[in-house]
Amino acid sequence: MTETQAKWAEIAKNPKFIELHRRKTYFLFGWWIFSTVYYFLLPIGAGSAPGFFSVKVIGNINIGYLFALSQFFVSWGIALYYAGWANRVSDRLTDELCRELKLK
């Protein structure tokens, strides 16, 4: 085993790395499920409730258009939330791990 492989094996066994990986996995998996469900609500809703999605709100703009537009804002919201979470939790745990392993 080379020196680099040994370092990665040491990092992978570190409790701080395991905690970091666990927290990031739970966070990202939860938001991935939410965003996937939200994404598929548009075609499922438009197919199963076309009357509701074609209700006009302002001029030719209907609920279907507004829902499609909301997906952009939800994506941006998730990205901003992730950035804040990463700054508070993930980056802090990564810095602690790097200091412990003397990588910085």
N, C-alpha and C. Protein backbone atom coordinates (compact mmCIF):
# COMPACT_ATOMS: atom_id res chain seq x y z
N MET A 1 0.85 -1.17 0.00
CA MET A 1 0.00 0.00 0.00
C MET A 1 0.89 1.23 0.00
N THR A 2 0.57 2.19 -0.88
CA THR A 2 1.38 3.40 -0.95
C THR A 2 1.03 4.33 0.20
N GLU A 3 1.87 5.37 0.36
CA GLU A 3 1.64 6.33 1.44
C GLU A 3 0.32 7.07 1.27
N THR A 4 -0.03 7.42 0.03
CA THR A 4 -1.28 8.13 -0.23
C THR A 4 -2.48 7.26 0.11
N GLN A 5 -2.43 5.99 -0.27
CA GLN A 5 -3.52 5.09 0.05
C GLN A 5 -3.67 4.91 1.55
N ALA A 6 -2.55 4.86 2.25
CA ALA A 6 -2.59 4.73 3.71
C ALA A 6 -3.25 5.95 4.34
N LYS A 7 -2.95 7.15 3.82
CA LYS A 7 -3.58 8.36 4.35
C LYS A 7 -5.09 8.33 4.14
N TRP A 8 -5.52 7.93 2.96
CA TRP A 8 -6.97 7.88 2.70
C TRP A 8 -7.65 6.86 3.60
N ALA A 9 -6.99 5.74 3.83
CA ALA A 9 -7.56 4.72 4.72
C ALA A 9 -7.66 5.28 6.14
N GLU A 10 -6.66 6.03 6.57
CA GLU A 10 -6.68 6.65 7.90
C GLU A 10 -7.82 7.67 8.00
N ILE A 11 -7.98 8.48 6.96
CA ILE A 11 -9.04 9.49 6.95
C ILE A 11 -10.41 8.82 6.98
N ALA A 12 -10.59 7.77 6.19
CA ALA A 12 -11.89 7.10 6.11
C ALA A 12 -12.30 6.46 7.44
N LYS A 13 -11.34 6.11 8.28
CA LYS A 13 -11.64 5.49 9.57
C LYS A 13 -11.82 6.51 10.69
N ASN A 14 -11.49 7.76 10.41
CA ASN A 14 -11.56 8.80 11.42
C ASN A 14 -13.02 9.08 11.80
N PRO A 15 -13.34 9.13 13.10
CA PRO A 15 -14.72 9.37 13.53
C PRO A 15 -15.28 10.71 13.04
N LYS A 16 -14.44 11.74 12.94
CA LYS A 16 -14.91 13.04 12.43
C LYS A 16 -15.30 12.94 10.96
N PHE A 17 -14.52 12.19 10.19
CA PHE A 17 -14.87 12.00 8.78
C PHE A 17 -16.17 11.21 8.64
N ILE A 18 -16.31 10.20 9.45
CA ILE A 18 -17.54 9.39 9.41
C ILE A 18 -18.75 10.26 9.75
N GLU A 19 -18.62 11.11 10.77
CA GLU A 19 -19.70 12.02 11.15
C GLU A 19 -19.99 13.02 10.03
N LEU A 20 -18.95 13.58 9.44
CA LEU A 20 -19.12 14.51 8.32
C LEU A 20 -19.85 13.84 7.17
N HIS A 21 -19.43 12.66 6.81
CA HIS A 21 -20.04 11.93 5.71
C HIS A 21 -21.50 11.59 6.01
N ARG A 22 -21.76 11.17 7.25
CA ARG A 22 -23.13 10.81 7.64
C ARG A 22 -24.05 12.04 7.57
N ARG A 23 -23.60 13.15 8.13
CA ARG A 23 -24.43 14.36 8.12
C ARG A 23 -24.68 14.86 6.70
N LYS A 24 -23.65 14.86 5.88
CA LYS A 24 -23.80 15.35 4.51
C LYS A 24 -24.72 14.42 3.71
N THR A 25 -24.58 13.12 3.92
CA THR A 25 -25.44 12.16 3.21
C THR A 25 -26.90 12.35 3.59
N TYR A 26 -27.19 12.46 4.88
CA TYR A 26 -28.58 12.66 5.31
C TYR A 26 -29.14 13.96 4.77
N PHE A 27 -28.35 15.02 4.86
CA PHE A 27 -28.82 16.32 4.39
C PHE A 27 -29.13 16.28 2.89
N LEU A 28 -28.17 15.81 2.12
CA LEU A 28 -28.35 15.81 0.66
C LEU A 28 -29.41 14.82 0.21
N PHE A 29 -29.50 13.66 0.84
CA PHE A 29 -30.50 12.68 0.44
C PHE A 29 -31.91 13.22 0.70
N GLY A 30 -32.10 13.86 1.84
CA GLY A 30 -33.41 14.43 2.15
C GLY A 30 -33.85 15.49 1.14
N TRP A 31 -32.94 16.39 0.81
CA TRP A 31 -33.28 17.43 -0.16
C TRP A 31 -33.39 16.88 -1.57
N TRP A 32 -32.65 15.82 -1.88
CA TRP A 32 -32.79 15.18 -3.19
C TRP A 32 -34.20 14.58 -3.33
N ILE A 33 -34.68 13.92 -2.28
CA ILE A 33 -36.03 13.35 -2.31
C ILE A 33 -37.06 14.48 -2.48
N PHE A 34 -36.93 15.54 -1.69
CA PHE A 34 -37.87 16.66 -1.80
C PHE A 34 -37.88 17.25 -3.21
N SER A 35 -36.70 17.53 -3.76
CA SER A 35 -36.65 18.17 -5.07
C SER A 35 -37.14 17.25 -6.17
N THR A 36 -36.91 15.96 -6.05
CA THR A 36 -37.41 15.02 -7.06
C THR A 36 -38.93 14.95 -7.03
N VAL A 37 -39.50 14.87 -5.84
CA VAL A 37 -40.97 14.86 -5.71
C VAL A 37 -41.54 16.16 -6.26
N TYR A 38 -40.94 17.28 -5.88
CA TYR A 38 -41.43 18.59 -6.35
C TYR A 38 -41.35 18.69 -7.87
N TYR A 39 -40.27 18.19 -8.45
CA TYR A 39 -40.10 18.23 -9.90
C TYR A 39 -41.19 17.42 -10.60
N PHE A 40 -41.46 16.22 -10.10
CA PHE A 40 -42.43 15.36 -10.76
C PHE A 40 -43.88 15.74 -10.46
N LEU A 41 -44.11 16.64 -9.52
CA LEU A 41 -45.48 17.11 -9.28
C LEU A 41 -46.03 17.86 -10.49
N LEU A 42 -45.17 18.53 -11.23
CA LEU A 42 -45.65 19.28 -12.41
C LEU A 42 -46.22 18.35 -13.47
N PRO A 43 -45.48 17.37 -14.00
CA PRO A 43 -46.09 16.52 -15.03
C PRO A 43 -47.22 15.64 -14.47
N ILE A 44 -47.07 15.18 -13.25
CA ILE A 44 -48.13 14.35 -12.67
C ILE A 44 -49.39 15.19 -12.44
N GLY A 45 -49.20 16.39 -11.89
CA GLY A 45 -50.34 17.27 -11.66
C GLY A 45 -51.00 17.72 -12.95
N ALA A 46 -50.19 18.06 -13.94
CA ALA A 46 -50.75 18.50 -15.22
C ALA A 46 -51.49 17.36 -15.92
N GLY A 47 -51.00 16.14 -15.73
CA GLY A 47 -51.68 15.00 -16.36
C GLY A 47 -52.92 14.56 -15.62
N SER A 48 -52.89 14.63 -14.29
CA SER A 48 -54.03 14.13 -13.53
C SER A 48 -55.04 15.21 -13.17
N ALA A 49 -54.65 16.46 -13.17
CA ALA A 49 -55.57 17.55 -12.85
C ALA A 49 -55.39 18.70 -13.84
N PRO A 50 -55.65 18.44 -15.13
CA PRO A 50 -55.42 19.50 -16.12
C PRO A 50 -56.33 20.71 -15.91
N GLY A 51 -57.49 20.48 -15.37
CA GLY A 51 -58.40 21.60 -15.10
C GLY A 51 -57.81 22.57 -14.09
N PHE A 52 -57.21 22.04 -13.04
CA PHE A 52 -56.61 22.89 -12.00
C PHE A 52 -55.38 23.62 -12.55
N PHE A 53 -54.55 22.93 -13.30
CA PHE A 53 -53.32 23.54 -13.80
C PHE A 53 -53.60 24.55 -14.91
N SER A 54 -54.79 24.51 -15.51
CA SER A 54 -55.11 25.47 -16.57
C SER A 54 -55.92 26.65 -16.06
N VAL A 55 -56.15 26.73 -14.77
CA VAL A 55 -56.87 27.88 -14.21
C VAL A 55 -56.03 29.13 -14.42
N LYS A 56 -56.63 30.12 -15.07
CA LYS A 56 -55.92 31.36 -15.39
C LYS A 56 -55.83 32.22 -14.13
N VAL A 57 -54.64 32.77 -13.90
CA VAL A 57 -54.41 33.61 -12.74
C VAL A 57 -54.37 35.08 -13.16
N ILE A 58 -53.50 35.40 -14.11
CA ILE A 58 -53.37 36.76 -14.64
C ILE A 58 -53.23 36.64 -16.16
N GLY A 59 -54.19 37.13 -16.89
CA GLY A 59 -54.12 37.04 -18.36
C GLY A 59 -54.02 35.59 -18.81
N ASN A 60 -52.98 35.29 -19.60
CA ASN A 60 -52.76 33.93 -20.08
C ASN A 60 -51.91 33.09 -19.14
N ILE A 61 -51.50 33.66 -18.04
CA ILE A 61 -50.67 32.93 -17.07
C ILE A 61 -51.57 32.08 -16.19
N ASN A 62 -51.29 30.77 -16.21
CA ASN A 62 -52.12 29.86 -15.43
C ASN A 62 -51.30 29.23 -14.29
N ILE A 63 -51.97 28.42 -13.49
CA ILE A 63 -51.32 27.78 -12.35
C ILE A 63 -50.17 26.88 -12.81
N GLY A 64 -50.31 26.23 -13.93
CA GLY A 64 -49.25 25.37 -14.45
C GLY A 64 -47.98 26.16 -14.72
N TYR A 65 -48.10 27.33 -15.35
CA TYR A 65 -46.93 28.18 -15.60
C TYR A 65 -46.31 28.64 -14.29
N LEU A 66 -47.13 29.05 -13.35
CA LEU A 66 -46.61 29.51 -12.06
C LEU A 66 -45.91 28.39 -11.31
N PHE A 67 -46.47 27.18 -11.37
CA PHE A 67 -45.82 26.05 -10.71
C PHE A 67 -44.48 25.75 -11.36
N ALA A 68 -44.44 25.78 -12.70
CA ALA A 68 -43.17 25.54 -13.41
C ALA A 68 -42.15 26.61 -13.03
N LEU A 69 -42.57 27.87 -12.96
CA LEU A 69 -41.67 28.95 -12.58
C LEU A 69 -41.20 28.78 -11.13
N SER A 70 -42.08 28.28 -10.27
CA SER A 70 -41.70 28.10 -8.86
C SER A 70 -40.56 27.10 -8.70
N GLN A 71 -40.41 26.20 -9.66
CA GLN A 71 -39.33 25.22 -9.56
C GLN A 71 -37.96 25.88 -9.61
N PHE A 72 -37.83 26.98 -10.36
CA PHE A 72 -36.58 27.72 -10.38
C PHE A 72 -36.30 28.30 -8.99
N PHE A 73 -37.31 28.91 -8.39
CA PHE A 73 -37.13 29.53 -7.08
C PHE A 73 -36.86 28.50 -5.99
N VAL A 74 -37.51 27.35 -6.09
CA VAL A 74 -37.25 26.28 -5.13
C VAL A 74 -35.82 25.78 -5.28
N SER A 75 -35.34 25.63 -6.50
CA SER A 75 -33.95 25.21 -6.73
C SER A 75 -32.97 26.22 -6.15
N TRP A 76 -33.21 27.48 -6.40
CA TRP A 76 -32.33 28.52 -5.85
C TRP A 76 -32.39 28.51 -4.32
N GLY A 77 -33.58 28.34 -3.78
CA GLY A 77 -33.74 28.29 -2.33
C GLY A 77 -32.96 27.14 -1.72
N ILE A 78 -33.05 25.97 -2.34
CA ILE A 78 -32.30 24.81 -1.85
C ILE A 78 -30.80 25.07 -1.93
N ALA A 79 -30.36 25.67 -3.04
CA ALA A 79 -28.92 25.97 -3.20
C ALA A 79 -28.45 26.94 -2.13
N LEU A 80 -29.23 27.98 -1.85
CA LEU A 80 -28.85 28.94 -0.82
C LEU A 80 -28.87 28.29 0.56
N TYR A 81 -29.86 27.46 0.82
CA TYR A 81 -29.93 26.76 2.10
C TYR A 81 -28.73 25.83 2.27
N TYR A 82 -28.37 25.12 1.20
CA TYR A 82 -27.21 24.22 1.26
C TYR A 82 -25.93 25.01 1.51
N ALA A 83 -25.78 26.16 0.86
CA ALA A 83 -24.58 26.98 1.06
C ALA A 83 -24.47 27.41 2.52
N GLY A 84 -25.58 27.82 3.10
CA GLY A 84 -25.57 28.21 4.51
C GLY A 84 -25.27 27.03 5.41
N TRP A 85 -25.88 25.90 5.13
CA TRP A 85 -25.64 24.69 5.92
C TRP A 85 -24.17 24.27 5.82
N ALA A 86 -23.64 24.30 4.61
CA ALA A 86 -22.24 23.90 4.41
C ALA A 86 -21.30 24.82 5.18
N ASN A 87 -21.59 26.12 5.18
CA ASN A 87 -20.75 27.06 5.92
C ASN A 87 -20.81 26.82 7.43
N ARG A 88 -22.00 26.49 7.93
CA ARG A 88 -22.17 26.28 9.37
C ARG A 88 -21.68 24.92 9.84
N VAL A 89 -22.01 23.87 9.10
CA VAL A 89 -21.79 22.51 9.59
C VAL A 89 -20.65 21.80 8.86
N SER A 90 -20.79 21.64 7.58
CA SER A 90 -19.84 20.85 6.81
C SER A 90 -18.43 21.44 6.82
N ASP A 91 -18.33 22.75 6.59
CA ASP A 91 -17.00 23.37 6.57
C ASP A 91 -16.34 23.33 7.94
N ARG A 92 -17.12 23.51 8.99
CA ARG A 92 -16.57 23.45 10.35
C ARG A 92 -16.02 22.06 10.65
N LEU A 93 -16.81 21.01 10.30
CA LEU A 93 -16.34 19.65 10.54
C LEU A 93 -15.12 19.32 9.68
N THR A 94 -15.09 19.81 8.47
CA THR A 94 -13.95 19.58 7.58
C THR A 94 -12.70 20.25 8.14
N ASP A 95 -12.84 21.48 8.61
CA ASP A 95 -11.68 22.17 9.21
C ASP A 95 -11.17 21.42 10.43
N GLU A 96 -12.09 20.96 11.28
CA GLU A 96 -11.66 20.19 12.47
C GLU A 96 -10.90 18.93 12.06
N LEU A 97 -11.41 18.24 11.05
CA LEU A 97 -10.76 17.03 10.57
C LEU A 97 -9.38 17.33 10.00
N CYS A 98 -9.28 18.39 9.21
CA CYS A 98 -7.98 18.74 8.61
C CYS A 98 -6.97 19.14 9.67
N ARG A 99 -7.41 19.88 10.69
CA ARG A 99 -6.50 20.25 11.79
C ARG A 99 -6.04 19.01 12.54
N GLU A 100 -6.98 18.09 12.77
CA GLU A 100 -6.63 16.86 13.50
C GLU A 100 -5.62 16.03 12.72
N LEU A 101 -5.79 15.97 11.41
CA LEU A 101 -4.89 15.17 10.58
C LEU A 101 -3.69 15.97 10.08
N LYS A 102 -3.65 17.24 10.45
CA LYS A 102 -2.56 18.14 10.05
C LYS A 102 -2.41 18.22 8.54
N LEU A 103 -3.59 18.41 7.86
CA LEU A 103 -3.58 18.52 6.41
C LEU A 103 -3.46 19.96 5.95
N LYS A 104 -3.66 20.91 6.86
CA LYS A 104 -3.56 22.32 6.46
C LYS A 104 -2.32 22.93 7.01
